[in-house]
N, C-alpha and C. Protein backbone atom coordinates (compact mmCIF):
# COMPACT_ATOMS: atom_id res chain seq x y z
N GLU A 1 -47.31 240.38 -20.47
CA GLU A 1 -47.95 240.09 -21.74
C GLU A 1 -49.16 240.99 -21.95
N LEU A 2 -49.91 241.25 -20.88
CA LEU A 2 -51.07 242.12 -21.02
C LEU A 2 -50.66 243.56 -21.30
N ARG A 3 -49.55 243.99 -20.73
CA ARG A 3 -49.10 245.36 -20.96
C ARG A 3 -48.65 245.56 -22.41
N HIS A 4 -48.04 244.53 -22.99
CA HIS A 4 -47.59 244.66 -24.37
C HIS A 4 -48.75 244.67 -25.35
N ARG A 5 -49.84 243.95 -25.02
CA ARG A 5 -51.00 243.90 -25.90
C ARG A 5 -51.92 245.09 -25.71
N ALA A 6 -51.74 245.88 -24.66
CA ALA A 6 -52.62 247.02 -24.38
C ALA A 6 -52.41 248.11 -25.41
N SER A 7 -53.48 248.81 -25.71
CA SER A 7 -53.40 249.92 -26.66
C SER A 7 -52.65 251.09 -26.04
N PRO A 8 -52.15 252.00 -26.88
CA PRO A 8 -51.46 253.18 -26.31
C PRO A 8 -52.36 254.01 -25.40
N TRP A 9 -53.66 254.05 -25.68
CA TRP A 9 -54.59 254.77 -24.81
C TRP A 9 -54.64 254.14 -23.43
N GLN A 10 -54.65 252.81 -23.40
CA GLN A 10 -54.67 252.13 -22.11
C GLN A 10 -53.38 252.35 -21.35
N ARG A 11 -52.26 252.23 -22.05
CA ARG A 11 -50.97 252.38 -21.38
C ARG A 11 -50.71 253.80 -20.92
N ASN A 12 -51.08 254.79 -21.74
CA ASN A 12 -50.74 256.18 -21.44
C ASN A 12 -51.82 256.93 -20.66
N LEU A 13 -53.06 256.45 -20.71
CA LEU A 13 -54.12 257.16 -20.01
C LEU A 13 -54.85 256.27 -19.01
N GLY A 14 -55.19 255.06 -19.41
CA GLY A 14 -55.98 254.17 -18.55
C GLY A 14 -55.25 253.73 -17.30
N TYR A 15 -54.04 253.20 -17.46
CA TYR A 15 -53.29 252.71 -16.30
C TYR A 15 -52.92 253.83 -15.32
N PRO A 16 -52.43 254.98 -15.81
CA PRO A 16 -52.15 256.06 -14.84
C PRO A 16 -53.40 256.56 -14.11
N LEU A 17 -54.54 256.65 -14.83
CA LEU A 17 -55.76 257.08 -14.15
C LEU A 17 -56.23 256.05 -13.13
N ALA A 18 -56.09 254.78 -13.46
CA ALA A 18 -56.46 253.73 -12.50
C ALA A 18 -55.56 253.81 -11.27
N MET A 19 -54.27 254.00 -11.47
CA MET A 19 -53.35 254.11 -10.33
C MET A 19 -53.66 255.34 -9.48
N LEU A 20 -53.96 256.47 -10.13
CA LEU A 20 -54.32 257.66 -9.36
C LEU A 20 -55.61 257.45 -8.59
N GLY A 21 -56.57 256.75 -9.19
CA GLY A 21 -57.81 256.44 -8.49
C GLY A 21 -57.58 255.57 -7.29
N LEU A 22 -56.74 254.53 -7.45
CA LEU A 22 -56.44 253.65 -6.32
C LEU A 22 -55.68 254.39 -5.22
N LEU A 23 -54.74 255.25 -5.63
CA LEU A 23 -54.01 256.05 -4.63
C LEU A 23 -54.95 256.99 -3.91
N ALA A 24 -55.89 257.61 -4.64
CA ALA A 24 -56.84 258.52 -4.02
C ALA A 24 -57.76 257.79 -3.05
N LEU A 25 -58.27 256.62 -3.44
CA LEU A 25 -59.15 255.86 -2.54
C LEU A 25 -58.39 255.40 -1.29
N THR A 26 -57.16 254.98 -1.47
CA THR A 26 -56.36 254.56 -0.31
C THR A 26 -56.09 255.76 0.59
N GLY A 27 -55.73 256.88 0.01
CA GLY A 27 -55.46 258.08 0.79
C GLY A 27 -56.69 258.57 1.54
N ILE A 28 -57.85 258.54 0.86
CA ILE A 28 -59.09 258.97 1.52
C ILE A 28 -59.45 258.05 2.67
N SER A 29 -59.28 256.74 2.46
CA SER A 29 -59.61 255.81 3.55
C SER A 29 -58.66 255.99 4.74
N VAL A 30 -57.39 256.24 4.48
CA VAL A 30 -56.45 256.49 5.59
C VAL A 30 -56.79 257.80 6.30
N LEU A 31 -57.17 258.84 5.55
CA LEU A 31 -57.57 260.10 6.18
C LEU A 31 -58.81 259.94 7.04
N ILE A 32 -59.78 259.17 6.55
CA ILE A 32 -60.99 258.95 7.34
C ILE A 32 -60.67 258.18 8.61
N VAL A 33 -59.79 257.19 8.51
CA VAL A 33 -59.41 256.42 9.70
C VAL A 33 -58.64 257.30 10.67
N CYS A 34 -57.75 258.15 10.17
CA CYS A 34 -57.02 259.07 11.06
C CYS A 34 -57.97 260.04 11.75
N PHE A 35 -58.98 260.53 11.00
CA PHE A 35 -59.99 261.40 11.60
C PHE A 35 -60.78 260.63 12.66
N HIS A 36 -61.06 259.36 12.40
CA HIS A 36 -61.77 258.54 13.38
C HIS A 36 -60.93 258.32 14.63
N VAL A 37 -59.62 258.17 14.47
CA VAL A 37 -58.73 258.03 15.63
C VAL A 37 -58.80 259.29 16.49
N LEU A 38 -58.80 260.46 15.84
CA LEU A 38 -58.93 261.71 16.60
C LEU A 38 -60.27 261.78 17.31
N GLU A 39 -61.33 261.34 16.63
CA GLU A 39 -62.64 261.31 17.28
C GLU A 39 -62.65 260.37 18.48
N LEU A 40 -61.98 259.23 18.34
CA LEU A 40 -61.91 258.28 19.45
C LEU A 40 -61.22 258.90 20.66
N LEU A 41 -60.17 259.68 20.39
CA LEU A 41 -59.42 260.29 21.49
C LEU A 41 -60.21 261.41 22.17
N LEU A 42 -61.07 262.10 21.41
CA LEU A 42 -61.76 263.26 21.95
C LEU A 42 -63.19 262.98 22.42
N ASP A 43 -63.86 261.99 21.82
CA ASP A 43 -65.27 261.80 22.11
C ASP A 43 -65.60 260.32 22.25
N ASP A 44 -66.24 259.95 23.34
CA ASP A 44 -66.62 258.56 23.57
C ASP A 44 -67.73 258.10 22.62
N ALA A 45 -68.47 259.03 22.05
CA ALA A 45 -69.56 258.67 21.14
C ALA A 45 -69.04 258.13 19.80
N ALA A 46 -67.76 258.25 19.54
CA ALA A 46 -67.19 257.76 18.29
C ALA A 46 -66.96 256.25 18.30
N MET A 47 -67.16 255.61 19.44
CA MET A 47 -66.99 254.15 19.51
C MET A 47 -68.03 253.49 18.62
N PRO A 48 -67.65 252.41 17.96
CA PRO A 48 -68.55 251.78 16.99
C PRO A 48 -69.61 250.89 17.65
N ARG A 49 -70.43 251.49 18.48
CA ARG A 49 -71.52 250.76 19.10
C ARG A 49 -72.76 250.88 18.23
N GLY A 50 -73.78 250.15 18.57
CA GLY A 50 -75.03 250.20 17.81
C GLY A 50 -75.70 251.56 17.93
N ILE A 51 -76.44 251.93 16.89
CA ILE A 51 -77.15 253.20 16.89
C ILE A 51 -78.53 252.96 17.48
N GLN A 52 -78.89 253.72 18.51
CA GLN A 52 -80.17 253.56 19.15
C GLN A 52 -81.17 254.52 18.53
N ASP A 53 -82.35 254.00 18.20
CA ASP A 53 -83.48 254.80 17.72
C ASP A 53 -83.13 255.65 16.50
N ALA A 54 -82.34 255.13 15.59
CA ALA A 54 -82.02 255.86 14.37
C ALA A 54 -82.71 255.15 13.21
N SER A 55 -83.83 255.69 12.78
CA SER A 55 -84.57 255.07 11.69
C SER A 55 -83.97 255.48 10.35
N LEU A 56 -84.04 254.56 9.42
CA LEU A 56 -83.49 254.81 8.09
C LEU A 56 -84.25 255.95 7.42
N GLY A 57 -83.55 256.93 6.93
CA GLY A 57 -84.15 258.06 6.25
C GLY A 57 -84.39 259.25 7.15
N GLN A 58 -84.36 259.07 8.45
CA GLN A 58 -84.58 260.18 9.37
C GLN A 58 -83.29 260.79 9.86
N VAL A 59 -82.23 260.01 9.86
CA VAL A 59 -80.94 260.46 10.35
C VAL A 59 -79.91 260.28 9.25
N SER A 60 -79.11 261.30 9.02
CA SER A 60 -78.05 261.19 8.02
C SER A 60 -76.87 260.46 8.65
N PHE A 61 -76.37 259.46 7.95
CA PHE A 61 -75.24 258.69 8.46
C PHE A 61 -73.92 259.26 8.00
N SER A 62 -73.93 260.38 7.33
CA SER A 62 -72.71 261.00 6.86
C SER A 62 -72.74 262.49 7.15
N ILE A 63 -71.60 263.03 7.44
CA ILE A 63 -71.49 264.47 7.69
C ILE A 63 -71.75 265.26 6.42
N PHE A 64 -71.34 264.70 5.27
CA PHE A 64 -71.42 265.42 4.00
C PHE A 64 -72.67 265.10 3.19
N GLY A 65 -73.69 264.51 3.81
CA GLY A 65 -74.95 264.25 3.15
C GLY A 65 -74.85 263.16 2.09
N SER A 66 -75.47 263.42 0.94
CA SER A 66 -75.50 262.42 -0.13
C SER A 66 -74.12 262.12 -0.69
N PHE A 67 -73.30 263.16 -0.81
CA PHE A 67 -71.93 262.94 -1.31
C PHE A 67 -71.15 262.05 -0.35
N GLY A 68 -71.28 262.29 0.93
CA GLY A 68 -70.59 261.47 1.92
C GLY A 68 -71.09 260.03 1.92
N ALA A 69 -72.41 259.85 1.73
CA ALA A 69 -72.95 258.50 1.68
C ALA A 69 -72.43 257.76 0.44
N ALA A 70 -72.37 258.46 -0.70
CA ALA A 70 -71.82 257.85 -1.92
C ALA A 70 -70.34 257.52 -1.74
N LEU A 71 -69.61 258.40 -1.07
CA LEU A 71 -68.19 258.14 -0.80
C LEU A 71 -68.03 256.93 0.12
N GLN A 72 -68.90 256.79 1.11
CA GLN A 72 -68.84 255.62 1.98
C GLN A 72 -69.08 254.34 1.20
N VAL A 73 -70.04 254.36 0.28
CA VAL A 73 -70.33 253.18 -0.53
C VAL A 73 -69.13 252.82 -1.40
N VAL A 74 -68.51 253.82 -2.01
CA VAL A 74 -67.34 253.58 -2.86
C VAL A 74 -66.18 253.04 -2.03
N LEU A 75 -65.96 253.62 -0.85
CA LEU A 75 -64.87 253.14 0.01
C LEU A 75 -65.11 251.73 0.53
N ILE A 76 -66.35 251.41 0.86
CA ILE A 76 -66.64 250.05 1.32
C ILE A 76 -66.44 249.06 0.18
N PHE A 77 -66.86 249.42 -1.02
CA PHE A 77 -66.63 248.55 -2.18
C PHE A 77 -65.13 248.39 -2.43
N TYR A 78 -64.38 249.49 -2.31
CA TYR A 78 -62.93 249.44 -2.49
C TYR A 78 -62.27 248.54 -1.43
N LEU A 79 -62.71 248.66 -0.18
CA LEU A 79 -62.17 247.81 0.88
C LEU A 79 -62.51 246.34 0.63
N MET A 80 -63.69 246.09 0.11
CA MET A 80 -64.08 244.72 -0.19
C MET A 80 -63.19 244.13 -1.27
N VAL A 81 -63.01 244.86 -2.36
CA VAL A 81 -62.19 244.37 -3.47
C VAL A 81 -60.73 244.23 -3.04
N SER A 82 -60.22 245.21 -2.31
CA SER A 82 -58.82 245.13 -1.90
C SER A 82 -58.58 244.01 -0.89
N SER A 83 -59.57 243.72 -0.04
CA SER A 83 -59.37 242.61 0.90
C SER A 83 -59.41 241.27 0.17
N VAL A 84 -60.24 241.14 -0.86
CA VAL A 84 -60.26 239.89 -1.63
C VAL A 84 -58.96 239.73 -2.41
N VAL A 85 -58.49 240.81 -3.02
CA VAL A 85 -57.23 240.75 -3.77
C VAL A 85 -56.07 240.46 -2.81
N GLY A 86 -56.07 241.10 -1.67
CA GLY A 86 -55.02 240.84 -0.69
C GLY A 86 -55.06 239.42 -0.15
N PHE A 87 -56.26 238.90 0.04
CA PHE A 87 -56.41 237.53 0.53
C PHE A 87 -55.83 236.54 -0.47
N TYR A 88 -56.19 236.69 -1.73
CA TYR A 88 -55.71 235.75 -2.75
C TYR A 88 -54.25 236.01 -3.14
N SER A 89 -53.69 237.15 -2.77
CA SER A 89 -52.29 237.44 -3.06
C SER A 89 -51.35 236.93 -1.97
N SER A 90 -51.91 236.62 -0.80
CA SER A 90 -51.05 236.15 0.28
C SER A 90 -50.51 234.76 -0.07
N PRO A 91 -49.27 234.49 0.32
CA PRO A 91 -48.64 233.22 -0.05
C PRO A 91 -49.39 231.98 0.46
N LEU A 92 -50.09 232.13 1.56
CA LEU A 92 -50.80 230.99 2.14
C LEU A 92 -52.01 230.57 1.30
N PHE A 93 -52.64 231.54 0.61
CA PHE A 93 -53.90 231.24 -0.08
C PHE A 93 -53.80 231.33 -1.60
N THR A 94 -52.63 231.46 -2.16
CA THR A 94 -52.52 231.52 -3.62
C THR A 94 -52.92 230.20 -4.27
N ARG A 95 -52.76 229.09 -3.53
CA ARG A 95 -53.16 227.79 -4.08
C ARG A 95 -54.67 227.64 -4.13
N LEU A 96 -55.40 228.51 -3.44
CA LEU A 96 -56.85 228.43 -3.41
C LEU A 96 -57.50 229.08 -4.64
N LEU A 97 -56.73 229.81 -5.41
CA LEU A 97 -57.28 230.46 -6.61
C LEU A 97 -57.87 229.43 -7.56
N PRO A 98 -59.07 229.68 -8.05
CA PRO A 98 -59.67 228.73 -8.99
C PRO A 98 -58.96 228.77 -10.35
N GLU A 99 -58.92 227.63 -10.99
CA GLU A 99 -58.32 227.52 -12.32
C GLU A 99 -59.41 227.24 -13.32
N ARG A 100 -59.30 227.82 -14.47
CA ARG A 100 -60.35 227.69 -15.50
C ARG A 100 -60.49 226.22 -15.92
N GLN A 101 -61.69 225.70 -15.77
CA GLN A 101 -62.11 224.35 -16.16
C GLN A 101 -61.28 223.25 -15.49
N ASP A 102 -60.63 223.57 -14.38
CA ASP A 102 -59.84 222.55 -13.69
C ASP A 102 -59.82 222.83 -12.18
N THR A 103 -61.00 223.15 -11.62
CA THR A 103 -61.07 223.45 -10.20
C THR A 103 -61.83 222.33 -9.50
N PRO A 104 -61.18 221.63 -8.58
CA PRO A 104 -61.89 220.56 -7.86
C PRO A 104 -62.95 221.15 -6.92
N LEU A 105 -63.90 220.31 -6.56
CA LEU A 105 -65.01 220.75 -5.71
C LEU A 105 -64.54 221.24 -4.35
N THR A 106 -63.52 220.63 -3.79
CA THR A 106 -63.03 221.08 -2.48
C THR A 106 -62.47 222.49 -2.56
N LYS A 107 -61.82 222.82 -3.68
CA LYS A 107 -61.29 224.18 -3.86
C LYS A 107 -62.43 225.18 -4.05
N ILE A 108 -63.50 224.78 -4.73
CA ILE A 108 -64.66 225.65 -4.90
C ILE A 108 -65.32 225.92 -3.55
N ILE A 109 -65.45 224.87 -2.74
CA ILE A 109 -66.04 225.04 -1.40
C ILE A 109 -65.14 225.93 -0.54
N GLY A 110 -63.83 225.74 -0.63
CA GLY A 110 -62.89 226.60 0.10
C GLY A 110 -63.00 228.06 -0.31
N ASN A 111 -63.17 228.32 -1.61
CA ASN A 111 -63.36 229.69 -2.08
C ASN A 111 -64.67 230.27 -1.57
N CYS A 112 -65.73 229.47 -1.59
CA CYS A 112 -67.02 229.95 -1.09
C CYS A 112 -66.95 230.30 0.39
N VAL A 113 -66.32 229.45 1.16
CA VAL A 113 -66.18 229.71 2.60
C VAL A 113 -65.32 230.96 2.83
N SER A 114 -64.23 231.09 2.10
CA SER A 114 -63.36 232.26 2.26
C SER A 114 -64.09 233.54 1.91
N LEU A 115 -64.82 233.56 0.80
CA LEU A 115 -65.55 234.76 0.41
C LEU A 115 -66.69 235.06 1.37
N LEU A 116 -67.30 234.03 1.92
CA LEU A 116 -68.36 234.23 2.91
C LEU A 116 -67.81 234.85 4.19
N VAL A 117 -66.66 234.38 4.63
CA VAL A 117 -66.04 234.95 5.83
C VAL A 117 -65.62 236.40 5.58
N LEU A 118 -65.02 236.67 4.42
CA LEU A 118 -64.61 238.04 4.10
C LEU A 118 -65.81 238.98 4.01
N SER A 119 -66.89 238.53 3.37
CA SER A 119 -68.06 239.40 3.23
C SER A 119 -68.80 239.58 4.55
N SER A 120 -68.74 238.59 5.42
CA SER A 120 -69.37 238.73 6.73
C SER A 120 -68.58 239.67 7.64
N ALA A 121 -67.28 239.72 7.46
CA ALA A 121 -66.44 240.60 8.29
C ALA A 121 -66.45 242.04 7.80
N LEU A 122 -66.87 242.27 6.57
CA LEU A 122 -66.80 243.62 5.99
C LEU A 122 -67.62 244.67 6.75
N PRO A 123 -68.87 244.40 7.17
CA PRO A 123 -69.60 245.43 7.92
C PRO A 123 -68.92 245.80 9.24
N VAL A 124 -68.41 244.81 9.96
CA VAL A 124 -67.73 245.09 11.23
C VAL A 124 -66.42 245.83 10.97
N PHE A 125 -65.72 245.42 9.91
CA PHE A 125 -64.46 246.05 9.54
C PHE A 125 -64.68 247.53 9.23
N SER A 126 -65.65 247.85 8.36
CA SER A 126 -65.87 249.24 7.97
C SER A 126 -66.42 250.06 9.13
N ARG A 127 -67.17 249.42 10.00
CA ARG A 127 -67.70 250.14 11.16
C ARG A 127 -66.61 250.40 12.20
N THR A 128 -65.73 249.45 12.42
CA THR A 128 -64.64 249.63 13.38
C THR A 128 -63.68 250.71 12.92
N LEU A 129 -63.46 250.80 11.61
CA LEU A 129 -62.56 251.82 11.08
C LEU A 129 -63.19 253.21 11.03
N GLY A 130 -64.49 253.29 11.27
CA GLY A 130 -65.16 254.58 11.27
C GLY A 130 -65.54 255.05 9.88
N ILE A 131 -65.52 254.17 8.89
CA ILE A 131 -65.90 254.56 7.54
C ILE A 131 -67.40 254.74 7.45
N THR A 132 -68.16 253.94 8.17
CA THR A 132 -69.60 254.09 8.21
C THR A 132 -70.10 253.77 9.61
N ARG A 133 -71.29 254.29 9.93
CA ARG A 133 -71.93 253.97 11.19
C ARG A 133 -73.23 253.21 10.95
N PHE A 134 -73.48 252.86 9.72
CA PHE A 134 -74.74 252.24 9.35
C PHE A 134 -74.70 250.74 9.57
N ASP A 135 -75.71 250.20 10.26
CA ASP A 135 -75.85 248.75 10.45
C ASP A 135 -76.88 248.25 9.45
N LEU A 136 -76.46 247.49 8.48
CA LEU A 136 -77.38 246.98 7.47
C LEU A 136 -77.96 245.64 7.94
N LEU A 137 -79.20 245.65 8.36
CA LEU A 137 -79.94 244.45 8.76
C LEU A 137 -79.19 243.59 9.78
N GLY A 138 -78.45 244.22 10.63
CA GLY A 138 -77.74 243.48 11.67
C GLY A 138 -77.13 244.47 12.62
N ASP A 139 -77.32 244.25 13.88
CA ASP A 139 -76.77 245.17 14.87
C ASP A 139 -75.36 244.72 15.20
N PHE A 140 -74.41 245.13 14.35
CA PHE A 140 -73.02 244.74 14.55
C PHE A 140 -72.39 245.48 15.71
N GLY A 141 -73.06 246.49 16.22
CA GLY A 141 -72.55 247.23 17.36
C GLY A 141 -72.74 246.50 18.68
N ARG A 142 -73.38 245.34 18.66
CA ARG A 142 -73.60 244.59 19.90
C ARG A 142 -72.40 243.75 20.32
N PHE A 143 -71.39 243.65 19.48
CA PHE A 143 -70.21 242.89 19.87
C PHE A 143 -69.55 243.60 21.05
N ASN A 144 -69.23 242.83 22.08
CA ASN A 144 -68.67 243.42 23.29
C ASN A 144 -67.34 244.11 23.03
N TRP A 145 -66.52 243.54 22.16
CA TRP A 145 -65.19 244.11 21.96
C TRP A 145 -65.25 245.44 21.21
N LEU A 146 -66.39 245.77 20.56
CA LEU A 146 -66.50 247.07 19.91
C LEU A 146 -66.64 248.21 20.92
N GLY A 147 -66.91 247.87 22.17
CA GLY A 147 -66.98 248.88 23.22
C GLY A 147 -65.65 249.07 23.93
N ASN A 148 -64.65 248.26 23.61
CA ASN A 148 -63.34 248.36 24.24
C ASN A 148 -62.50 249.39 23.47
N PHE A 149 -62.19 250.48 24.13
CA PHE A 149 -61.46 251.58 23.49
C PHE A 149 -60.11 251.13 22.96
N TYR A 150 -59.38 250.35 23.73
CA TYR A 150 -58.02 249.98 23.35
C TYR A 150 -58.00 249.10 22.09
N ILE A 151 -58.92 248.17 22.01
CA ILE A 151 -58.97 247.30 20.82
C ILE A 151 -59.30 248.12 19.58
N VAL A 152 -60.33 248.97 19.68
CA VAL A 152 -60.75 249.78 18.53
C VAL A 152 -59.64 250.76 18.15
N PHE A 153 -59.03 251.39 19.14
CA PHE A 153 -57.97 252.36 18.87
C PHE A 153 -56.77 251.68 18.20
N LEU A 154 -56.32 250.55 18.74
CA LEU A 154 -55.18 249.84 18.14
C LEU A 154 -55.50 249.31 16.75
N TYR A 155 -56.73 248.87 16.55
CA TYR A 155 -57.17 248.39 15.23
C TYR A 155 -57.08 249.52 14.21
N ASN A 156 -57.58 250.70 14.58
CA ASN A 156 -57.54 251.86 13.69
C ASN A 156 -56.11 252.32 13.43
N MET A 157 -55.31 252.37 14.48
CA MET A 157 -53.92 252.78 14.32
C MET A 157 -53.14 251.79 13.47
N GLY A 158 -53.39 250.50 13.68
CA GLY A 158 -52.73 249.47 12.88
C GLY A 158 -53.10 249.58 11.41
N PHE A 159 -54.39 249.78 11.13
CA PHE A 159 -54.82 249.94 9.73
C PHE A 159 -54.18 251.16 9.10
N ALA A 160 -54.25 252.30 9.78
CA ALA A 160 -53.68 253.53 9.22
C ALA A 160 -52.18 253.41 9.03
N GLY A 161 -51.48 252.87 10.01
CA GLY A 161 -50.02 252.76 9.92
C GLY A 161 -49.58 251.78 8.85
N LEU A 162 -50.18 250.59 8.83
CA LEU A 162 -49.76 249.59 7.85
C LEU A 162 -50.16 249.97 6.42
N THR A 163 -51.34 250.58 6.26
CA THR A 163 -51.74 251.03 4.93
C THR A 163 -50.83 252.14 4.43
N THR A 164 -50.49 253.07 5.29
CA THR A 164 -49.58 254.14 4.90
C THR A 164 -48.20 253.58 4.56
N LEU A 165 -47.73 252.63 5.35
CA LEU A 165 -46.44 252.01 5.09
C LEU A 165 -46.43 251.30 3.73
N CYS A 166 -47.46 250.53 3.46
CA CYS A 166 -47.55 249.84 2.17
C CYS A 166 -47.64 250.83 1.02
N LEU A 167 -48.41 251.89 1.21
CA LEU A 167 -48.55 252.90 0.16
C LEU A 167 -47.23 253.59 -0.13
N VAL A 168 -46.53 254.01 0.91
CA VAL A 168 -45.24 254.68 0.74
C VAL A 168 -44.22 253.73 0.11
N LYS A 169 -44.22 252.50 0.57
CA LYS A 169 -43.27 251.52 0.04
C LYS A 169 -43.53 251.26 -1.44
N LYS A 170 -44.79 251.07 -1.81
CA LYS A 170 -45.15 250.77 -3.19
C LYS A 170 -44.84 251.95 -4.10
N VAL A 171 -45.23 253.14 -3.67
CA VAL A 171 -45.01 254.33 -4.49
C VAL A 171 -43.53 254.67 -4.58
N SER A 172 -42.82 254.59 -3.44
CA SER A 172 -41.40 254.96 -3.48
C SER A 172 -40.59 253.96 -4.29
N TRP A 173 -40.95 252.67 -4.21
CA TRP A 173 -40.23 251.68 -5.03
C TRP A 173 -40.50 251.89 -6.51
N ALA A 174 -41.73 252.25 -6.86
CA ALA A 174 -42.05 252.49 -8.27
C ALA A 174 -41.31 253.72 -8.78
N VAL A 175 -41.27 254.78 -7.98
CA VAL A 175 -40.54 255.99 -8.38
C VAL A 175 -39.05 255.70 -8.46
N GLN A 176 -38.53 254.96 -7.49
CA GLN A 176 -37.11 254.61 -7.50
C GLN A 176 -36.76 253.77 -8.72
N ALA A 177 -37.59 252.81 -9.08
CA ALA A 177 -37.34 251.97 -10.26
C ALA A 177 -37.38 252.80 -11.54
N GLU A 178 -38.31 253.74 -11.62
CA GLU A 178 -38.38 254.60 -12.81
C GLU A 178 -37.18 255.52 -12.90
N LEU A 179 -36.71 256.05 -11.75
CA LEU A 179 -35.52 256.91 -11.76
C LEU A 179 -34.29 256.10 -12.17
N ILE A 180 -34.14 254.91 -11.65
CA ILE A 180 -33.01 254.07 -12.03
C ILE A 180 -33.08 253.73 -13.51
N ARG A 181 -34.27 253.42 -14.00
CA ARG A 181 -34.44 253.11 -15.42
C ARG A 181 -34.12 254.32 -16.29
N ALA A 182 -34.59 255.50 -15.86
CA ALA A 182 -34.36 256.70 -16.65
C ALA A 182 -32.90 257.12 -16.65
N PHE A 183 -32.26 257.10 -15.48
CA PHE A 183 -30.85 257.50 -15.41
C PHE A 183 -29.93 256.38 -15.88
N GLY A 184 -30.36 255.16 -15.75
CA GLY A 184 -29.55 254.03 -16.21
C GLY A 184 -29.43 253.96 -17.72
N GLU A 185 -30.49 254.38 -18.44
CA GLU A 185 -30.46 254.37 -19.88
C GLU A 185 -29.58 255.49 -20.43
N ASP A 186 -29.56 256.63 -19.72
CA ASP A 186 -28.78 257.77 -20.19
C ASP A 186 -27.29 257.61 -19.90
N GLY A 187 -26.96 256.92 -18.80
CA GLY A 187 -25.58 256.85 -18.34
C GLY A 187 -24.78 255.75 -18.91
């Protein structure tokens, strides 16, 4: 219904640009994680431990300076939004979605708890994936399991592999559906 009510500008320019942006952000995050996996294999300093004696403003937390820091912020925001969308899209939690003017208090509390858990896990998540090394008002590098190479390595490999699989599946199914639609109409 929303697609039919959308203007031609939205359908022909807005939606494709949004899809390209999402594909680019997903691709960049997978490339950063793959680069982090290579760093993990070659250098022990790539482990997501706490940063010692790194004062804010004295040490650059990105290789690419201000552009890299802005890219990290955009990627962390993207990971936050995609994890919330993925959480509410899972079959187990679709019933937790709030309904306009008809949401019981227990469902509101469940949503608050879920969003609090997701937002609390985001700094550790982005740090474990190697997207950022910055600890914002919390030394998340003190977790013992962040020093375990195998856990961090498997976590990164799992993220890169599953994200790539989902991306290929989603894109290939969309291309396949368009090809079937295009050739099905002509034949």
